[in-house]
Amino acid sequence: MRNTARWATTLALTATAVGGPLTGTALAAQSTPATLYAPSALVLTVGHGDSAALATPERAVTLTCAPNASGTHPAAAQACAELRAVDGDFDALAVRSDIRCTKQYDPVVVTVDGVWRGQRVSYERTFGNECVRSSYGSGVFTF
């Protein structure tokens, strides 16, 4: 009978010694945040001219979309939502149909540099005038 008690104690200690570290690993895995995010931080500039090389930036704003929408962009939450909807593809931003623009040519260039979901972004686009620039997306280029 003593032998059985000794074996039971030995098995219990062995189980604790082997299973203890595994339990700690499981607890550590559970305490890791469930939603890790890749950084999304952008600098947007606007200036008058045919290209970024020829235009002097007149205004620049920052836009951070992960983990939360923030920055100096006046409509950061709306701009981040629009960019998430098109997966960061600036060319895919919808043109607003409620804005009517003249055909006056006064070129405005917008540049975007930074990181979107962990990937380097460098974007440049020239619009015919301020009105056309403002019509792309409801908030991304409106600053």
C-alpha atoms as a PDB file:
ATOM      1  CA  MET A   1       0.000   0.000   0.000  1.00  0.00           C
ATOM      2  CA  ARG A   2       2.846   2.354   0.796  1.00  0.00           C
ATOM      3  CA  ASN A   3       4.262   1.650  -2.626  1.00  0.00           C
ATOM      4  CA  THR A   4       0.989   2.730  -4.272  1.00  0.00           C
ATOM      5  CA  ALA A   5       0.931   5.999  -2.326  1.00  0.00           C
ATOM      6  CA  ARG A   6       4.540   6.671  -3.321  1.00  0.00           C
ATOM      7  CA  TRP A   7       3.715   6.055  -6.999  1.00  0.00           C
ATOM      8  CA  ALA A   8       0.669   8.304  -6.792  1.00  0.00           C
ATOM      9  CA  THR A   9       2.739  11.084  -5.245  1.00  0.00           C
ATOM     10  CA  THR A  10       5.474  10.620  -7.845  1.00  0.00           C
ATOM     11  CA  LEU A  11       2.967  10.747 -10.691  1.00  0.00           C
ATOM     12  CA  ALA A  12       1.312  13.859  -9.238  1.00  0.00           C
ATOM     13  CA  LEU A  13       4.661  15.653  -8.885  1.00  0.00           C
ATOM     14  CA  THR A  14       5.709  14.595 -12.393  1.00  0.00           C
ATOM     15  CA  ALA A  15       2.432  15.830 -13.841  1.00  0.00           C
ATOM     16  CA  THR A  16       2.873  19.140 -12.033  1.00  0.00           C
ATOM     17  CA  ALA A  17       6.489  19.489 -13.170  1.00  0.00           C
ATOM     18  CA  VAL A  18       5.664  18.695 -16.812  1.00  0.00           C
ATOM     19  CA  GLY A  19       2.226  20.306 -17.038  1.00  0.00           C
ATOM     20  CA  GLY A  20       3.037  23.448 -15.057  1.00  0.00           C
ATOM     21  CA  PRO A  21       5.176  25.115 -17.723  1.00  0.00           C
ATOM     22  CA  LEU A  22       2.639  24.185 -20.385  1.00  0.00           C
ATOM     23  CA  THR A  23      -0.109  25.857 -18.409  1.00  0.00           C
ATOM     24  CA  GLY A  24       2.022  29.000 -18.127  1.00  0.00           C
ATOM     25  CA  THR A  25       2.536  28.995 -21.893  1.00  0.00           C
ATOM     26  CA  ALA A  26      -1.187  28.650 -22.458  1.00  0.00           C
ATOM     27  CA  LEU A  27      -1.880  31.536 -20.099  1.00  0.00           C
ATOM     28  CA  ALA A  28       0.751  33.672 -21.796  1.00  0.00           C
ATOM     29  CA  ALA A  29      -0.832  32.944 -25.185  1.00  0.00           C
ATOM     30  CA  GLN A  30      -4.216  33.972 -23.841  1.00  0.00           C
ATOM     31  CA  SER A  31      -2.894  37.260 -22.501  1.00  0.00           C
ATOM     32  CA  THR A  32      -1.513  38.282 -25.927  1.00  0.00           C
ATOM     33  CA  PRO A  33      -3.794  40.849 -27.594  1.00  0.00           C
ATOM     34  CA  ALA A  34      -6.163  39.175 -30.022  1.00  0.00           C
ATOM     35  CA  THR A  35      -5.961  41.972 -32.586  1.00  0.00           C
ATOM     36  CA  LEU A  36      -2.465  43.069 -33.464  1.00  0.00           C
ATOM     37  CA  TYR A  37      -2.367  45.759 -36.109  1.00  0.00           C
ATOM     38  CA  ALA A  38       0.084  46.850 -38.744  1.00  0.00           C
ATOM     39  CA  PRO A  39       0.844  50.571 -38.618  1.00  0.00           C
ATOM     40  CA  SER A  40      -1.023  52.980 -40.871  1.00  0.00           C
ATOM     41  CA  ALA A  41       0.412  56.490 -40.704  1.00  0.00           C
ATOM     42  CA  LEU A  42       0.387  58.900 -43.632  1.00  0.00           C
ATOM     43  CA  VAL A  43       1.428  62.458 -44.469  1.00  0.00           C
ATOM     44  CA  LEU A  44      -0.760  64.141 -47.088  1.00  0.00           C
ATOM     45  CA  THR A  45       0.283  67.367 -48.830  1.00  0.00           C
ATOM     46  CA  VAL A  46      -1.428  69.651 -51.309  1.00  0.00           C
ATOM     47  CA  GLY A  47       0.016  72.330 -53.575  1.00  0.00           C
ATOM     48  CA  HIS A  48      -0.663  74.098 -56.860  1.00  0.00           C
ATOM     49  CA  GLY A  49       1.192  72.893 -59.937  1.00  0.00           C
ATOM     50  CA  ASP A  50       1.365  70.116 -62.497  1.00  0.00           C
ATOM     51  CA  SER A  51       3.516  67.786 -60.375  1.00  0.00           C
ATOM     52  CA  ALA A  52       4.938  67.474 -56.893  1.00  0.00           C
ATOM     53  CA  ALA A  53       8.381  68.320 -58.247  1.00  0.00           C
ATOM     54  CA  LEU A  54       7.128  71.694 -59.532  1.00  0.00           C
ATOM     55  CA  ALA A  55       4.598  72.533 -56.809  1.00  0.00           C
ATOM     56  CA  THR A  56       5.359  74.035 -53.443  1.00  0.00           C
ATOM     57  CA  PRO A  57       3.384  72.256 -50.720  1.00  0.00           C
ATOM     58  CA  GLU A  58       0.799  74.678 -49.323  1.00  0.00           C
ATOM     59  CA  ARG A  59      -0.610  72.444 -46.635  1.00  0.00           C
ATOM     60  CA  ALA A  60       0.297  69.147 -45.008  1.00  0.00           C
ATOM     61  CA  VAL A  61      -1.688  66.957 -42.624  1.00  0.00           C
ATOM     62  CA  THR A  62      -1.011  63.708 -40.813  1.00  0.00           C
ATOM     63  CA  LEU A  63      -3.399  60.770 -40.795  1.00  0.00           C
ATOM     64  CA  THR A  64      -3.014  57.752 -38.545  1.00  0.00           C
ATOM     65  CA  CYS A  65      -5.557  54.954 -38.991  1.00  0.00           C
ATOM     66  CA  ALA A  66      -4.252  52.202 -36.699  1.00  0.00           C
ATOM     67  CA  PRO A  67      -5.014  51.514 -33.971  1.00  0.00           C
ATOM     68  CA  ASN A  68      -7.371  54.531 -33.955  1.00  0.00           C
ATOM     69  CA  ALA A  69      -8.079  57.345 -36.388  1.00  0.00           C
ATOM     70  CA  SER A  70      -6.096  60.425 -35.407  1.00  0.00           C
ATOM     71  CA  GLY A  71      -3.750  63.089 -36.712  1.00  0.00           C
ATOM     72  CA  THR A  72      -4.086  66.669 -37.912  1.00  0.00           C
ATOM     73  CA  HIS A  73      -6.425  65.690 -40.776  1.00  0.00           C
ATOM     74  CA  PRO A  74      -9.726  67.526 -40.144  1.00  0.00           C
ATOM     75  CA  ALA A  75     -11.845  64.416 -40.885  1.00  0.00           C
ATOM     76  CA  ALA A  76      -9.502  61.650 -39.713  1.00  0.00           C
ATOM     77  CA  ALA A  77     -12.173  59.074 -38.820  1.00  0.00           C
ATOM     78  CA  GLN A  78     -14.021  59.530 -42.106  1.00  0.00           C
ATOM     79  CA  ALA A  79     -10.798  59.458 -44.153  1.00  0.00           C
ATOM     80  CA  CYS A  80      -9.626  56.262 -42.437  1.00  0.00           C
ATOM     81  CA  ALA A  81     -12.999  54.606 -43.027  1.00  0.00           C
ATOM     82  CA  GLU A  82     -12.821  55.481 -46.741  1.00  0.00           C
ATOM     83  CA  LEU A  83      -9.272  54.160 -47.042  1.00  0.00           C
ATOM     84  CA  ARG A  84     -10.186  50.922 -45.252  1.00  0.00           C
ATOM     85  CA  ALA A  85     -13.111  50.457 -47.656  1.00  0.00           C
ATOM     86  CA  VAL A  86     -10.753  50.574 -50.670  1.00  0.00           C
ATOM     87  CA  ASP A  87      -7.897  48.792 -48.868  1.00  0.00           C
ATOM     88  CA  GLY A  88      -5.634  51.834 -49.112  1.00  0.00           C
ATOM     89  CA  ASP A  89      -5.966  52.192 -52.910  1.00  0.00           C
ATOM     90  CA  PHE A  90      -6.179  55.961 -53.443  1.00  0.00           C
ATOM     91  CA  ASP A  91      -7.125  55.529 -57.107  1.00  0.00           C
ATOM     92  CA  ALA A  92     -10.197  53.524 -56.048  1.00  0.00           C
ATOM     93  CA  LEU A  93     -11.706  56.338 -53.964  1.00  0.00           C
ATOM     94  CA  ALA A  94     -15.225  57.090 -55.181  1.00  0.00           C
ATOM     95  CA  VAL A  95     -15.987  60.371 -56.903  1.00  0.00           C
ATOM     96  CA  ARG A  96     -18.804  62.237 -55.197  1.00  0.00           C
ATOM     97  CA  SER A  97     -21.719  62.748 -57.555  1.00  0.00           C
ATOM     98  CA  ASP A  98     -23.237  65.641 -55.574  1.00  0.00           C
ATOM     99  CA  ILE A  99     -20.404  68.046 -56.458  1.00  0.00           C
ATOM    100  CA  ARG A 100     -20.370  69.906 -59.784  1.00  0.00           C
ATOM    101  CA  CYS A 101     -17.022  71.395 -60.798  1.00  0.00           C
ATOM    102  CA  THR A 102     -16.031  73.855 -63.509  1.00  0.00           C
ATOM    103  CA  LYS A 103     -13.590  72.839 -66.197  1.00  0.00           C
ATOM    104  CA  GLN A 104     -11.176  75.623 -65.272  1.00  0.00           C
ATOM    105  CA  TYR A 105      -7.624  74.270 -65.294  1.00  0.00           C
ATOM    106  CA  ASP A 106      -5.767  75.305 -62.156  1.00  0.00           C
ATOM    107  CA  PRO A 107      -3.812  72.134 -61.316  1.00  0.00           C
ATOM    108  CA  VAL A 108      -3.634  70.924 -57.735  1.00  0.00           C
ATOM    109  CA  VAL A 109      -1.251  68.131 -56.777  1.00  0.00           C
ATOM    110  CA  VAL A 110      -1.742  65.856 -53.785  1.00  0.00           C
ATOM    111  CA  THR A 111       0.974  63.606 -52.398  1.00  0.00           C
ATOM    112  CA  VAL A 112       0.706  60.842 -49.831  1.00  0.00           C
ATOM    113  CA  ASP A 113       3.728  59.299 -48.153  1.00  0.00           C
ATOM    114  CA  GLY A 114       3.929  56.893 -45.258  1.00  0.00           C
ATOM    115  CA  VAL A 115       2.809  53.402 -44.337  1.00  0.00           C
ATOM    116  CA  TRP A 116      -0.543  51.707 -44.924  1.00  0.00           C
ATOM    117  CA  ARG A 117      -1.070  48.446 -43.004  1.00  0.00           C
ATOM    118  CA  GLY A 118       2.665  47.947 -42.740  1.00  0.00           C
ATOM    119  CA  GLN A 119       3.399  48.586 -46.443  1.00  0.00           C
ATOM    120  CA  ARG A 120       5.269  51.652 -47.715  1.00  0.00           C
ATOM    121  CA  VAL A 121       3.034  54.086 -49.640  1.00  0.00           C
ATOM    122  CA  SER A 122       4.053  56.856 -52.020  1.00  0.00           C
ATOM    123  CA  TYR A 123       1.252  58.392 -54.092  1.00  0.00           C
ATOM    124  CA  GLU A 124       0.945  61.491 -56.242  1.00  0.00           C
ATOM    125  CA  ARG A 125      -2.063  62.741 -58.175  1.00  0.00           C
ATOM    126  CA  THR A 126      -2.750  65.949 -60.060  1.00  0.00           C
ATOM    127  CA  PHE A 127      -6.330  67.218 -60.174  1.00  0.00           C
ATOM    128  CA  GLY A 128      -7.695  69.828 -62.605  1.00  0.00           C
ATOM    129  CA  ASN A 129      -8.635  72.226 -59.797  1.00  0.00           C
ATOM    130  CA  GLU A 130      -9.519  72.428 -56.083  1.00  0.00           C
ATOM    131  CA  CYS A 131     -13.115  71.404 -56.694  1.00  0.00           C
ATOM    132  CA  VAL A 132     -12.124  68.202 -58.490  1.00  0.00           C
ATOM    133  CA  ARG A 133      -9.686  67.352 -55.688  1.00  0.00           C
ATOM    134  CA  SER A 134     -12.405  67.772 -53.079  1.00  0.00           C
ATOM    135  CA  SER A 135     -14.795  65.532 -55.025  1.00  0.00           C
ATOM    136  CA  TYR A 136     -12.621  62.434 -54.645  1.00  0.00           C
ATOM    137  CA  GLY A 137     -13.736  60.642 -51.529  1.00  0.00           C
ATOM    138  CA  SER A 138     -15.789  62.412 -48.931  1.00  0.00           C
ATOM    139  CA  GLY A 139     -12.868  63.173 -46.669  1.00  0.00           C
ATOM    140  CA  VAL A 140      -9.476  61.811 -47.685  1.00  0.00           C
ATOM    141  CA  PHE A 141      -8.378  64.711 -49.906  1.00  0.00           C
ATOM    142  CA  THR A 142     -10.506  67.349 -48.186  1.00  0.00           C
ATOM    143  CA  PHE A 143      -8.063  69.156 -45.936  1.00  0.00           C
END
